[in-house]
PDB file of all heavy atoms in Angstrom:
ATOM      1  N   ALA A   1      11.669 -72.950  28.340  1.00  0.00           N
ATOM      2  CA  ALA A   1      12.806 -72.407  27.627  1.00  0.00           C
ATOM      3  C   ALA A   1      13.148 -73.189  26.342  1.00  0.00           C
ATOM      4  O   ALA A   1      13.883 -72.729  25.497  1.00  0.00           O
ATOM      5  CB  ALA A   1      14.029 -72.379  28.541  1.00  0.00           C
ATOM      6  N   MET A   2      12.579 -74.407  26.224  1.00  0.00           N
ATOM      7  CA  MET A   2      12.821 -75.180  25.013  1.00  0.00           C
ATOM      8  C   MET A   2      12.269 -74.505  23.792  1.00  0.00           C
ATOM      9  O   MET A   2      11.174 -73.885  23.843  1.00  0.00           O
ATOM     10  CB  MET A   2      12.140 -76.585  25.117  1.00  0.00           C
ATOM     11  CG  MET A   2      12.787 -77.543  26.011  1.00  0.00           C
ATOM     12  SD  MET A   2      12.012 -79.169  25.793  1.00  0.00           S
ATOM     13  CE  MET A   2      12.635 -79.992  27.276  1.00  0.00           C
ATOM     14  N   LYS A   3      12.928 -74.619  22.688  1.00  0.00           N
ATOM     15  CA  LYS A   3      12.362 -74.191  21.414  1.00  0.00           C
ATOM     16  C   LYS A   3      11.367 -75.289  20.943  1.00  0.00           C
ATOM     17  O   LYS A   3      11.437 -76.428  21.365  1.00  0.00           O
ATOM     18  CB  LYS A   3      13.459 -74.024  20.332  1.00  0.00           C
ATOM     19  CG  LYS A   3      14.431 -72.833  20.680  1.00  0.00           C
ATOM     20  CD  LYS A   3      15.380 -72.648  19.532  1.00  0.00           C
ATOM     21  CE  LYS A   3      16.308 -71.436  19.831  1.00  0.00           C
ATOM     22  NZ  LYS A   3      17.300 -71.237  18.726  1.00  0.00           N
ATOM     23  N   ALA A   4      10.497 -74.890  20.046  1.00  0.00           N
ATOM     24  CA  ALA A   4       9.507 -75.845  19.504  1.00  0.00           C
ATOM     25  C   ALA A   4      10.158 -76.773  18.487  1.00  0.00           C
ATOM     26  O   ALA A   4      10.869 -76.297  17.573  1.00  0.00           O
ATOM     27  CB  ALA A   4       8.360 -75.088  18.892  1.00  0.00           C
ATOM     28  N   ALA A   5      10.019 -78.044  18.667  1.00  0.00           N
ATOM     29  CA  ALA A   5      10.527 -79.012  17.711  1.00  0.00           C
ATOM     30  C   ALA A   5       9.628 -79.095  16.507  1.00  0.00           C
ATOM     31  O   ALA A   5       8.403 -78.963  16.623  1.00  0.00           O
ATOM     32  CB  ALA A   5      10.653 -80.393  18.402  1.00  0.00           C
ATOM     33  N   THR A   6      10.213 -79.314  15.348  1.00  0.00           N
ATOM     34  CA  THR A   6       9.487 -79.507  14.136  1.00  0.00           C
ATOM     35  C   THR A   6       9.557 -80.999  13.721  1.00  0.00           C
ATOM     36  O   THR A   6      10.331 -81.755  14.267  1.00  0.00           O
ATOM     37  CB  THR A   6      10.023 -78.671  12.983  1.00  0.00           C
ATOM     38  OG1 THR A   6      11.360 -79.130  12.647  1.00  0.00           O
ATOM     39  CG2 THR A   6      10.124 -77.193  13.383  1.00  0.00           C
ATOM     40  N   GLU A   7       8.784 -81.393  12.752  1.00  0.00           N
ATOM     41  CA  GLU A   7       8.852 -82.749  12.265  1.00  0.00           C
ATOM     42  C   GLU A   7      10.275 -83.078  11.780  1.00  0.00           C
ATOM     43  O   GLU A   7      10.742 -84.166  11.960  1.00  0.00           O
ATOM     44  CB  GLU A   7       7.868 -82.891  11.085  1.00  0.00           C
ATOM     45  CG  GLU A   7       7.905 -84.279  10.381  1.00  0.00           C
ATOM     46  CD  GLU A   7       7.317 -85.399  11.202  1.00  0.00           C
ATOM     47  OE1 GLU A   7       6.655 -85.119  12.229  1.00  0.00           O
ATOM     48  OE2 GLU A   7       7.523 -86.571  10.817  1.00  0.00           O
ATOM     49  N   GLU A   8      10.956 -82.099  11.203  1.00  0.00           N
ATOM     50  CA  GLU A   8      12.305 -82.297  10.704  1.00  0.00           C
ATOM     51  C   GLU A   8      13.284 -82.608  11.804  1.00  0.00           C
ATOM     52  O   GLU A   8      14.260 -83.353  11.637  1.00  0.00           O
ATOM     53  CB  GLU A   8      12.768 -81.055   9.936  1.00  0.00           C
ATOM     54  CG  GLU A   8      14.088 -81.221   9.179  1.00  0.00           C
ATOM     55  CD  GLU A   8      14.051 -82.300   8.086  1.00  0.00           C
ATOM     56  OE1 GLU A   8      12.925 -82.618   7.582  1.00  0.00           O
ATOM     57  OE2 GLU A   8      15.098 -82.849   7.771  1.00  0.00           O
ATOM     58  N   ASP A   9      13.053 -82.079  13.019  1.00  0.00           N
ATOM     59  CA  ASP A   9      13.967 -82.337  14.112  1.00  0.00           C
ATOM     60  C   ASP A   9      14.010 -83.830  14.467  1.00  0.00           C
ATOM     61  O   ASP A   9      15.081 -84.326  14.799  1.00  0.00           O
ATOM     62  CB  ASP A   9      13.544 -81.510  15.366  1.00  0.00           C
ATOM     63  CG  ASP A   9      13.915 -80.072  15.254  1.00  0.00           C
ATOM     64  OD1 ASP A   9      15.105 -79.799  14.970  1.00  0.00           O
ATOM     65  OD2 ASP A   9      13.036 -79.228  15.458  1.00  0.00           O
ATOM     66  N   TRP A  10      12.893 -84.501  14.409  1.00  0.00           N
ATOM     67  CA  TRP A  10      12.889 -85.917  14.737  1.00  0.00           C
ATOM     68  C   TRP A  10      13.696 -86.751  13.694  1.00  0.00           C
ATOM     69  O   TRP A  10      14.140 -87.866  13.994  1.00  0.00           O
ATOM     70  CB  TRP A  10      11.480 -86.494  14.763  1.00  0.00           C
ATOM     71  CG  TRP A  10      10.504 -85.723  15.586  1.00  0.00           C
ATOM     72  CD1 TRP A  10       9.289 -85.241  15.172  1.00  0.00           C
ATOM     73  CD2 TRP A  10      10.631 -85.240  16.949  1.00  0.00           C
ATOM     74  NE1 TRP A  10       8.646 -84.562  16.166  1.00  0.00           N
ATOM     75  CE2 TRP A  10       9.441 -84.570  17.278  1.00  0.00           C
ATOM     76  CE3 TRP A  10      11.585 -85.410  17.931  1.00  0.00           C
ATOM     77  CZ2 TRP A  10       9.212 -84.001  18.534  1.00  0.00           C
ATOM     78  CZ3 TRP A  10      11.374 -84.822  19.174  1.00  0.00           C
ATOM     79  CH2 TRP A  10      10.210 -84.150  19.486  1.00  0.00           C
ATOM     80  N   ARG A  11      13.948 -86.176  12.549  1.00  0.00           N
ATOM     81  CA  ARG A  11      14.646 -86.852  11.475  1.00  0.00           C
ATOM     82  C   ARG A  11      16.075 -86.368  11.298  1.00  0.00           C
ATOM     83  O   ARG A  11      16.737 -86.761  10.299  1.00  0.00           O
ATOM     84  CB  ARG A  11      13.895 -86.694  10.118  1.00  0.00           C
ATOM     85  CG  ARG A  11      12.435 -87.193  10.168  1.00  0.00           C
ATOM     86  CD  ARG A  11      11.777 -87.040   8.826  1.00  0.00           C
ATOM     87  NE  ARG A  11      10.365 -87.410   8.843  1.00  0.00           N
ATOM     88  CZ  ARG A  11       9.917 -88.649   8.741  1.00  0.00           C
ATOM     89  NH1 ARG A  11      10.743 -89.674   8.613  1.00  0.00           N
ATOM     90  NH2 ARG A  11       8.623 -88.886   8.834  1.00  0.00           N
ATOM     91  N   THR A  12      16.599 -85.593  12.230  1.00  0.00           N
ATOM     92  CA  THR A  12      17.874 -84.898  12.046  1.00  0.00           C
ATOM     93  C   THR A  12      18.973 -85.475  12.919  1.00  0.00           C
ATOM     94  O   THR A  12      18.754 -85.662  14.132  1.00  0.00           O
ATOM     95  CB  THR A  12      17.723 -83.385  12.283  1.00  0.00           C
ATOM     96  OG1 THR A  12      16.785 -82.863  11.343  1.00  0.00           O
ATOM     97  CG2 THR A  12      19.090 -82.700  12.106  1.00  0.00           C
ATOM     98  N   GLU A  13      20.098 -85.797  12.317  1.00  0.00           N
ATOM     99  CA  GLU A  13      21.317 -86.097  13.043  1.00  0.00           C
ATOM    100  C   GLU A  13      22.109 -84.775  13.180  1.00  0.00           C
ATOM    101  O   GLU A  13      22.724 -84.287  12.261  1.00  0.00           O
ATOM    102  CB  GLU A  13      22.179 -87.120  12.312  1.00  0.00           C
ATOM    103  CG  GLU A  13      23.454 -87.491  13.094  1.00  0.00           C
ATOM    104  CD  GLU A  13      24.355 -88.438  12.314  1.00  0.00           C
ATOM    105  OE1 GLU A  13      24.271 -88.452  11.047  1.00  0.00           O
ATOM    106  OE2 GLU A  13      25.164 -89.158  12.959  1.00  0.00           O
ATOM    107  N   TYR A  14      22.021 -84.169  14.361  1.00  0.00           N
ATOM    108  CA  TYR A  14      22.591 -82.853  14.527  1.00  0.00           C
ATOM    109  C   TYR A  14      24.098 -82.824  14.512  1.00  0.00           C
ATOM    110  O   TYR A  14      24.709 -81.889  13.930  1.00  0.00           O
ATOM    111  CB  TYR A  14      22.103 -82.236  15.853  1.00  0.00           C
ATOM    112  CG  TYR A  14      20.597 -82.078  16.009  1.00  0.00           C
ATOM    113  CD1 TYR A  14      19.921 -82.840  16.912  1.00  0.00           C
ATOM    114  CD2 TYR A  14      19.894 -81.168  15.256  1.00  0.00           C
ATOM    115  CE1 TYR A  14      18.542 -82.708  17.068  1.00  0.00           C
ATOM    116  CE2 TYR A  14      18.546 -81.032  15.363  1.00  0.00           C
ATOM    117  CZ  TYR A  14      17.849 -81.802  16.303  1.00  0.00           C
ATOM    118  OH  TYR A  14      16.496 -81.678  16.448  1.00  0.00           O
ATOM    119  N   LEU A  15      24.738 -83.772  15.205  1.00  0.00           N
ATOM    120  CA  LEU A  15      26.185 -83.741  15.365  1.00  0.00           C
ATOM    121  C   LEU A  15      26.617 -82.385  15.962  1.00  0.00           C
ATOM    122  O   LEU A  15      27.635 -81.831  15.595  1.00  0.00           O
ATOM    123  CB  LEU A  15      26.929 -84.037  14.058  1.00  0.00           C
ATOM    124  CG  LEU A  15      26.656 -85.386  13.421  1.00  0.00           C
ATOM    125  CD1 LEU A  15      27.293 -85.496  12.019  1.00  0.00           C
ATOM    126  CD2 LEU A  15      27.157 -86.541  14.297  1.00  0.00           C
ATOM    127  N   ASP A  16      25.790 -81.872  16.817  1.00  0.00           N
ATOM    128  CA  ASP A  16      25.951 -80.528  17.342  1.00  0.00           C
ATOM    129  C   ASP A  16      25.280 -80.440  18.693  1.00  0.00           C
ATOM    130  O   ASP A  16      24.661 -81.376  19.179  1.00  0.00           O
ATOM    131  CB  ASP A  16      25.366 -79.513  16.335  1.00  0.00           C
ATOM    132  CG  ASP A  16      25.970 -78.108  16.481  1.00  0.00           C
ATOM    133  OD1 ASP A  16      26.741 -77.867  17.425  1.00  0.00           O
ATOM    134  OD2 ASP A  16      25.648 -77.274  15.622  1.00  0.00           O
ATOM    135  N   ALA A  17      25.406 -79.250  19.318  1.00  0.00           N
ATOM    136  CA  ALA A  17      24.861 -79.004  20.640  1.00  0.00           C
ATOM    137  C   ALA A  17      23.336 -78.749  20.599  1.00  0.00           C
ATOM    138  O   ALA A  17      22.877 -77.725  21.104  1.00  0.00           O
ATOM    139  CB  ALA A  17      25.618 -77.883  21.301  1.00  0.00           C
ATOM    140  N   ILE A  18      22.625 -79.685  20.013  1.00  0.00           N
ATOM    141  CA  ILE A  18      21.175 -79.561  19.848  1.00  0.00           C
ATOM    142  C   ILE A  18      20.581 -80.944  20.226  1.00  0.00           C
ATOM    143  O   ILE A  18      21.117 -81.951  19.797  1.00  0.00           O
ATOM    144  CB  ILE A  18      20.745 -79.144  18.468  1.00  0.00           C
ATOM    145  CG1 ILE A  18      21.419 -77.852  18.042  1.00  0.00           C
ATOM    146  CG2 ILE A  18      19.223 -79.029  18.343  1.00  0.00           C
ATOM    147  CD1 ILE A  18      21.236 -77.539  16.563  1.00  0.00           C
ATOM    148  N   LEU A  19      19.482 -80.954  20.949  1.00  0.00           N
ATOM    149  CA  LEU A  19      18.800 -82.192  21.330  1.00  0.00           C
ATOM    150  C   LEU A  19      17.313 -82.015  21.194  1.00  0.00           C
ATOM    151  O   LEU A  19      16.752 -81.063  21.696  1.00  0.00           O
ATOM    152  CB  LEU A  19      19.157 -82.587  22.751  1.00  0.00           C
ATOM    153  CG  LEU A  19      18.471 -83.848  23.325  1.00  0.00           C
ATOM    154  CD1 LEU A  19      18.943 -85.091  22.613  1.00  0.00           C
ATOM    155  CD2 LEU A  19      18.717 -83.933  24.857  1.00  0.00           C
ATOM    156  N   SER A  20      16.660 -82.927  20.501  1.00  0.00           N
ATOM    157  CA  SER A  20      15.207 -82.927  20.432  1.00  0.00           C
ATOM    158  C   SER A  20      14.631 -83.772  21.573  1.00  0.00           C
ATOM    159  O   SER A  20      15.225 -84.789  21.986  1.00  0.00           O
ATOM    160  CB  SER A  20      14.704 -83.413  19.079  1.00  0.00           C
ATOM    161  OG  SER A  20      15.169 -84.718  18.769  1.00  0.00           O
ATOM    162  N   VAL A  21      13.496 -83.335  22.139  1.00  0.00           N
ATOM    163  CA  VAL A  21      12.947 -83.980  23.309  1.00  0.00           C
ATOM    164  C   VAL A  21      11.429 -84.197  23.077  1.00  0.00           C
ATOM    165  O   VAL A  21      10.738 -83.258  22.656  1.00  0.00           O
ATOM    166  CB  VAL A  21      13.116 -83.097  24.555  1.00  0.00           C
ATOM    167  CG1 VAL A  21      12.520 -83.810  25.806  1.00  0.00           C
ATOM    168  CG2 VAL A  21      14.569 -82.771  24.765  1.00  0.00           C
ATOM    169  N   ARG A  22      10.957 -85.396  23.346  1.00  0.00           N
ATOM    170  CA  ARG A  22       9.531 -85.696  23.197  1.00  0.00           C
ATOM    171  C   ARG A  22       9.021 -86.448  24.412  1.00  0.00           C
ATOM    172  O   ARG A  22       9.719 -87.380  24.903  1.00  0.00           O
ATOM    173  CB  ARG A  22       9.243 -86.526  21.948  1.00  0.00           C
ATOM    174  CG  ARG A  22       7.792 -86.810  21.746  1.00  0.00           C
ATOM    175  CD  ARG A  22       7.495 -87.646  20.497  1.00  0.00           C
ATOM    176  NE  ARG A  22       6.076 -87.895  20.348  1.00  0.00           N
ATOM    177  CZ  ARG A  22       5.540 -88.763  19.536  1.00  0.00           C
ATOM    178  NH1 ARG A  22       6.311 -89.460  18.677  1.00  0.00           N
ATOM    179  NH2 ARG A  22       4.214 -88.881  19.470  1.00  0.00           N
ATOM    180  N   VAL A  23       7.899 -86.063  24.905  1.00  0.00           N
ATOM    181  CA  VAL A  23       7.206 -86.788  25.954  1.00  0.00           C
ATOM    182  C   VAL A  23       6.277 -87.820  25.370  1.00  0.00           C
ATOM    183  O   VAL A  23       5.461 -87.445  24.491  1.00  0.00           O
ATOM    184  CB  VAL A  23       6.398 -85.812  26.890  1.00  0.00           C
ATOM    185  CG1 VAL A  23       5.622 -86.604  27.962  1.00  0.00           C
ATOM    186  CG2 VAL A  23       7.358 -84.859  27.587  1.00  0.00           C
ATOM    187  N   VAL A  24       6.384 -89.080  25.744  1.00  0.00           N
ATOM    188  CA  VAL A  24       5.567 -90.134  25.168  1.00  0.00           C
ATOM    189  C   VAL A  24       4.716 -90.788  26.284  1.00  0.00           C
ATOM    190  O   VAL A  24       5.063 -90.744  27.455  1.00  0.00           O
ATOM    191  CB  VAL A  24       6.457 -91.229  24.456  1.00  0.00           C
ATOM    192  CG1 VAL A  24       7.147 -90.595  23.257  1.00  0.00           C
ATOM    193  CG2 VAL A  24       7.439 -91.840  25.445  1.00  0.00           C
TER     194      VAL A  24
END
């Protein structure tokens, strides 16, 4: 159900109901 993260997501301060997730 997750949306696809872009490179920009890793660089974004959302201050909103959005969270980027990465498996390392």
